[in-house]
Amino acid sequence: MSDAKDAGQPGEVVQNEPAMSQNDADAGQKLDGIIVQTRADLAGQDGVDPENVLAQRLSDAGMSLSDDEMAAAVARLDG
């Protein structure tokens, strides 16, 4: 939706949609970031299955891991 008050000044470029990432992360960097964020989000939450949370985050990011990679990633959540 566009509103005249959001249009800015004439000739001014207005960003009204999300910006694309300027620095594309490789798969390892994305995984690292997801693990760090998941670890922080799970801190102090008892009764939550960290593997399920991590699996959902990876799915949301369009990433898949082998069983061994997933086991290693879950182990990293504790560290």
N, C-alpha and C. Protein backbone atom coordinates (compact mmCIF):
# COMPACT_ATOMS: atom_id res chain seq x y z
N MET A 1 0.84 -1.17 0.00
CA MET A 1 0.00 0.00 0.00
C MET A 1 0.88 1.23 0.00
N SER A 2 0.48 2.19 -0.75
CA SER A 2 1.23 3.43 -0.83
C SER A 2 0.36 4.56 -0.35
N ASP A 3 0.95 5.45 0.37
CA ASP A 3 0.25 6.59 0.92
C ASP A 3 1.01 7.83 0.50
N ALA A 4 0.31 8.89 0.14
CA ALA A 4 0.96 10.11 -0.32
C ALA A 4 1.95 10.64 0.70
N LYS A 5 1.65 10.50 1.98
CA LYS A 5 2.58 11.01 3.00
C LYS A 5 3.87 10.21 3.04
N ASP A 6 3.88 8.99 2.49
CA ASP A 6 5.07 8.16 2.46
C ASP A 6 5.89 8.34 1.18
N ALA A 7 5.43 9.20 0.30
CA ALA A 7 6.06 9.32 -1.02
C ALA A 7 7.39 10.06 -0.99
N GLY A 8 7.70 10.81 0.04
CA GLY A 8 8.94 11.56 0.08
C GLY A 8 8.85 12.82 -0.77
N GLN A 9 9.98 13.43 -1.00
CA GLN A 9 10.03 14.65 -1.79
C GLN A 9 10.10 14.30 -3.27
N PRO A 10 9.64 15.17 -4.15
CA PRO A 10 9.73 14.90 -5.59
C PRO A 10 11.17 14.58 -5.99
N GLY A 11 11.34 13.51 -6.73
CA GLY A 11 12.66 13.11 -7.18
C GLY A 11 13.45 12.27 -6.19
N GLU A 12 12.92 12.14 -4.98
CA GLU A 12 13.59 11.36 -3.95
C GLU A 12 13.26 9.87 -4.12
N VAL A 13 14.26 9.04 -3.98
CA VAL A 13 14.05 7.60 -4.07
C VAL A 13 13.53 7.12 -2.72
N VAL A 14 12.42 6.40 -2.75
CA VAL A 14 11.80 5.90 -1.54
C VAL A 14 11.83 4.37 -1.57
N GLN A 15 12.35 3.79 -0.52
CA GLN A 15 12.36 2.33 -0.41
C GLN A 15 11.09 1.90 0.28
N ASN A 16 10.22 1.19 -0.43
CA ASN A 16 8.97 0.75 0.17
C ASN A 16 8.84 -0.77 0.19
N GLU A 17 9.92 -1.46 -0.10
CA GLU A 17 9.97 -2.91 -0.01
C GLU A 17 11.29 -3.28 0.66
N PRO A 18 11.38 -4.50 1.20
CA PRO A 18 12.63 -4.92 1.85
C PRO A 18 13.80 -4.86 0.89
N ALA A 19 14.94 -4.44 1.40
CA ALA A 19 16.15 -4.40 0.59
C ALA A 19 16.74 -5.79 0.49
N MET A 20 17.33 -6.10 -0.62
CA MET A 20 18.01 -7.38 -0.79
C MET A 20 19.31 -7.34 -0.01
N SER A 21 19.74 -8.48 0.43
CA SER A 21 20.99 -8.58 1.17
C SER A 21 22.14 -8.12 0.29
N GLN A 22 22.99 -7.30 0.84
CA GLN A 22 24.14 -6.81 0.09
C GLN A 22 25.31 -7.78 0.15
N ASN A 23 25.38 -8.55 1.23
CA ASN A 23 26.47 -9.48 1.42
C ASN A 23 25.90 -10.88 1.60
N ASP A 24 25.88 -11.64 0.50
CA ASP A 24 25.32 -12.98 0.57
C ASP A 24 26.22 -13.88 1.41
N ALA A 25 25.63 -14.53 2.38
CA ALA A 25 26.36 -15.46 3.24
C ALA A 25 26.37 -16.83 2.58
N ASP A 26 27.46 -17.56 2.77
CA ASP A 26 27.48 -18.92 2.25
C ASP A 26 26.70 -19.82 3.22
N ALA A 27 26.51 -21.08 2.85
CA ALA A 27 25.69 -21.99 3.65
C ALA A 27 26.25 -22.16 5.06
N GLY A 28 27.56 -22.22 5.21
CA GLY A 28 28.17 -22.36 6.53
C GLY A 28 27.89 -21.16 7.40
N GLN A 29 27.97 -19.97 6.83
CA GLN A 29 27.71 -18.76 7.59
C GLN A 29 26.23 -18.68 7.98
N LYS A 30 25.36 -19.08 7.07
CA LYS A 30 23.92 -19.09 7.39
C LYS A 30 23.64 -20.05 8.53
N LEU A 31 24.23 -21.25 8.46
CA LEU A 31 24.04 -22.23 9.52
C LEU A 31 24.56 -21.69 10.84
N ASP A 32 25.73 -21.07 10.83
CA ASP A 32 26.29 -20.48 12.05
C ASP A 32 25.33 -19.46 12.65
N GLY A 33 24.78 -18.61 11.82
CA GLY A 33 23.85 -17.58 12.29
C GLY A 33 22.58 -18.18 12.85
N ILE A 34 22.05 -19.20 12.20
CA ILE A 34 20.84 -19.86 12.68
C ILE A 34 21.10 -20.53 14.02
N ILE A 35 22.25 -21.16 14.16
CA ILE A 35 22.58 -21.81 15.44
C ILE A 35 22.71 -20.78 16.55
N VAL A 36 23.40 -19.69 16.29
CA VAL A 36 23.57 -18.65 17.32
C VAL A 36 22.21 -18.09 17.73
N GLN A 37 21.37 -17.78 16.77
CA GLN A 37 20.05 -17.21 17.08
C GLN A 37 19.17 -18.22 17.80
N THR A 38 19.20 -19.47 17.37
CA THR A 38 18.39 -20.51 18.01
C THR A 38 18.85 -20.73 19.44
N ARG A 39 20.16 -20.76 19.65
CA ARG A 39 20.71 -20.92 21.00
C ARG A 39 20.21 -19.80 21.90
N ALA A 40 20.26 -18.58 21.41
CA ALA A 40 19.81 -17.43 22.21
C ALA A 40 18.31 -17.51 22.50
N ASP A 41 17.54 -17.92 21.51
CA ASP A 41 16.08 -18.01 21.69
C ASP A 41 15.68 -19.12 22.64
N LEU A 42 16.46 -20.19 22.70
CA LEU A 42 16.14 -21.32 23.56
C LEU A 42 16.62 -21.14 25.00
N ALA A 43 17.47 -20.17 25.23
CA ALA A 43 18.03 -19.96 26.57
C ALA A 43 16.92 -19.76 27.59
N GLY A 44 16.94 -20.59 28.63
CA GLY A 44 15.97 -20.47 29.70
C GLY A 44 14.61 -21.05 29.40
N GLN A 45 14.44 -21.70 28.27
CA GLN A 45 13.15 -22.30 27.93
C GLN A 45 13.23 -23.81 28.12
N ASP A 46 12.65 -24.28 29.21
CA ASP A 46 12.64 -25.71 29.49
C ASP A 46 11.49 -26.37 28.73
N GLY A 47 11.67 -27.62 28.38
CA GLY A 47 10.60 -28.38 27.74
C GLY A 47 10.47 -28.16 26.25
N VAL A 48 11.38 -27.42 25.67
CA VAL A 48 11.36 -27.17 24.23
C VAL A 48 12.39 -28.09 23.59
N ASP A 49 11.99 -28.78 22.52
CA ASP A 49 12.91 -29.68 21.82
C ASP A 49 13.79 -28.88 20.88
N PRO A 50 15.07 -28.71 21.22
CA PRO A 50 15.95 -27.88 20.40
C PRO A 50 16.09 -28.39 18.97
N GLU A 51 16.06 -29.72 18.77
CA GLU A 51 16.19 -30.25 17.41
C GLU A 51 15.00 -29.86 16.55
N ASN A 52 13.80 -29.89 17.11
CA ASN A 52 12.62 -29.47 16.34
C ASN A 52 12.67 -28.00 15.99
N VAL A 53 13.09 -27.18 16.95
CA VAL A 53 13.19 -25.74 16.70
C VAL A 53 14.22 -25.47 15.60
N LEU A 54 15.38 -26.12 15.71
CA LEU A 54 16.43 -25.94 14.72
C LEU A 54 15.97 -26.43 13.36
N ALA A 55 15.32 -27.59 13.32
CA ALA A 55 14.83 -28.13 12.04
C ALA A 55 13.86 -27.16 11.37
N GLN A 56 12.98 -26.54 12.16
CA GLN A 56 12.03 -25.59 11.60
C GLN A 56 12.75 -24.35 11.06
N ARG A 57 13.73 -23.85 11.81
CA ARG A 57 14.49 -22.68 11.36
C ARG A 57 15.22 -22.98 10.05
N LEU A 58 15.82 -24.16 9.98
CA LEU A 58 16.54 -24.54 8.77
C LEU A 58 15.58 -24.65 7.59
N SER A 59 14.43 -25.24 7.83
CA SER A 59 13.42 -25.36 6.78
C SER A 59 12.97 -23.98 6.31
N ASP A 60 12.73 -23.08 7.26
CA ASP A 60 12.32 -21.72 6.91
C ASP A 60 13.37 -21.02 6.05
N ALA A 61 14.65 -21.36 6.29
CA ALA A 61 15.75 -20.75 5.54
C ALA A 61 16.04 -21.49 4.23
N GLY A 62 15.30 -22.57 3.98
CA GLY A 62 15.52 -23.33 2.76
C GLY A 62 16.78 -24.18 2.80
N MET A 63 17.17 -24.57 4.00
CA MET A 63 18.39 -25.36 4.17
C MET A 63 18.02 -26.76 4.64
N SER A 64 18.79 -27.74 4.20
CA SER A 64 18.62 -29.09 4.70
C SER A 64 19.98 -29.65 5.08
N LEU A 65 19.99 -30.49 6.11
CA LEU A 65 21.22 -31.08 6.59
C LEU A 65 21.07 -32.59 6.59
N SER A 66 22.19 -33.27 6.43
CA SER A 66 22.18 -34.73 6.58
C SER A 66 21.97 -35.04 8.06
N ASP A 67 21.70 -36.30 8.37
CA ASP A 67 21.50 -36.69 9.78
C ASP A 67 22.73 -36.37 10.62
N ASP A 68 23.92 -36.64 10.07
CA ASP A 68 25.16 -36.36 10.82
C ASP A 68 25.35 -34.86 11.02
N GLU A 69 25.07 -34.07 9.98
CA GLU A 69 25.21 -32.61 10.08
C GLU A 69 24.21 -32.05 11.10
N MET A 70 22.99 -32.61 11.10
CA MET A 70 21.97 -32.15 12.04
C MET A 70 22.39 -32.48 13.47
N ALA A 71 22.91 -33.67 13.68
CA ALA A 71 23.37 -34.06 15.02
C ALA A 71 24.47 -33.13 15.50
N ALA A 72 25.38 -32.78 14.61
CA ALA A 72 26.47 -31.86 14.97
C ALA A 72 25.92 -30.46 15.26
N ALA A 73 24.94 -30.02 14.48
CA ALA A 73 24.35 -28.69 14.69
C ALA A 73 23.61 -28.64 16.02
N VAL A 74 22.87 -29.70 16.36
CA VAL A 74 22.15 -29.75 17.63
C VAL A 74 23.16 -29.74 18.79
N ALA A 75 24.26 -30.46 18.63
CA ALA A 75 25.29 -30.46 19.67
C ALA A 75 25.86 -29.07 19.87
N ARG A 76 25.97 -28.30 18.80
CA ARG A 76 26.48 -26.92 18.91
C ARG A 76 25.54 -26.01 19.67
N LEU A 77 24.26 -26.34 19.72
CA LEU A 77 23.30 -25.50 20.46
C LEU A 77 23.65 -25.45 21.94
N ASP A 78 24.25 -26.51 22.45
CA ASP A 78 24.63 -26.56 23.86
C ASP A 78 25.89 -25.78 24.16
N GLY A 79 26.67 -25.51 23.13
CA GLY A 79 27.97 -24.88 23.36
C GLY A 79 27.96 -23.50 22.99
